[in-house]
Amino acid sequence: MAMSEAAKKAVPKSERGVPGKSGTGSYPLNTPKHRAEAVALASMHHGSHSAFTERIRAKAKRLAGHKLESVSKLKA
């Protein structure tokens, strides 16, 4: 289930893939599921090896303690 706009705005800037943005497009990284989905969405929209996707992936790994779970594992 997608996060509501209010829930996205409540995520601290330090836990967003795009810190200057709140709400749509901010890529919340506050839970393992959100981290995996943010990487998948960035990959889908910006290309899997784009600089933007690599930034999202790197921040997600930092917040996860260098263990980034895959989306398929989290949805099972």
Protein backbone atom coordinates (compact mmCIF):
# COMPACT_ATOMS: atom_id res chain seq x y z
CA MET A 1 0.00 0.00 0.00
CA ALA A 2 1.29 3.44 -0.91
CA MET A 3 2.08 6.04 1.71
CA SER A 4 -0.26 8.99 2.03
CA GLU A 5 1.09 12.46 1.29
CA ALA A 6 0.85 13.32 4.99
CA ALA A 7 2.89 10.24 5.91
CA LYS A 8 5.53 11.10 3.31
CA LYS A 9 5.79 14.66 4.63
CA ALA A 10 6.26 13.28 8.16
CA VAL A 11 9.41 11.36 7.14
CA PRO A 12 12.47 13.30 8.38
CA LYS A 13 14.66 14.88 5.69
CA SER A 14 17.55 12.67 6.76
CA GLU A 15 15.50 9.60 5.75
CA ARG A 16 14.48 10.79 2.28
CA GLY A 17 16.24 10.02 -0.96
CA VAL A 18 15.64 13.60 -2.11
CA PRO A 19 15.97 15.60 1.15
CA GLY A 20 14.77 18.94 -0.24
CA LYS A 21 11.46 17.44 -1.34
CA SER A 22 8.53 16.31 0.74
CA GLY A 23 5.63 14.22 -0.46
CA THR A 24 5.58 12.86 -4.01
CA GLY A 25 9.04 12.15 -5.37
CA SER A 26 10.83 12.34 -2.04
CA TYR A 27 11.66 8.58 -1.99
CA PRO A 28 11.13 7.80 1.73
CA LEU A 29 13.87 5.51 3.08
CA ASN A 30 12.63 5.05 6.65
CA THR A 31 11.84 1.29 6.53
CA PRO A 32 13.41 -1.69 4.74
CA LYS A 33 10.40 -1.96 2.44
CA HIS A 34 10.49 1.74 1.54
CA ARG A 35 14.25 1.56 0.87
CA ALA A 36 13.84 -1.35 -1.54
CA GLU A 37 10.88 0.27 -3.27
CA ALA A 38 12.70 3.61 -3.59
CA VAL A 39 15.61 1.93 -5.36
CA ALA A 40 13.22 0.02 -7.62
CA LEU A 41 11.22 3.15 -8.49
CA ALA A 42 14.33 5.25 -9.11
CA SER A 43 15.67 2.48 -11.32
CA MET A 44 12.43 2.25 -13.26
CA HIS A 45 12.02 6.01 -13.76
CA HIS A 46 15.64 7.14 -14.14
CA GLY A 47 17.47 4.03 -15.40
CA SER A 48 19.16 1.36 -13.31
CA HIS A 49 22.65 2.84 -13.64
CA SER A 50 21.87 6.55 -13.67
CA ALA A 51 23.61 8.88 -11.23
CA PHE A 52 20.26 9.60 -9.55
CA THR A 53 19.52 5.90 -8.96
CA GLU A 54 23.04 5.34 -7.64
CA ARG A 55 22.54 8.21 -5.15
CA ILE A 56 19.26 6.68 -3.93
CA ARG A 57 20.86 3.21 -3.72
CA ALA A 58 23.89 4.53 -1.78
CA LYS A 59 21.75 6.42 0.73
CA ALA A 60 19.42 3.44 1.18
CA LYS A 61 22.43 1.20 1.87
CA ARG A 62 23.84 3.72 4.37
CA LEU A 63 20.53 3.85 6.25
CA ALA A 64 20.20 0.05 6.15
CA GLY A 65 23.70 -0.51 7.50
CA HIS A 66 25.01 -1.69 4.10
CA LYS A 67 22.37 -4.42 3.76
CA LEU A 68 19.85 -3.47 1.08
CA GLU A 69 17.03 -5.98 0.82
CA SER A 70 15.47 -6.67 -2.55
CA VAL A 71 11.84 -5.74 -3.20
CA SER A 72 10.92 -9.34 -4.06
CA LYS A 73 12.12 -10.60 -0.65
CA LEU A 74 10.13 -7.93 1.18
CA LYS A 75 6.86 -8.57 -0.65
CA ALA A 76 6.91 -12.33 -0.03
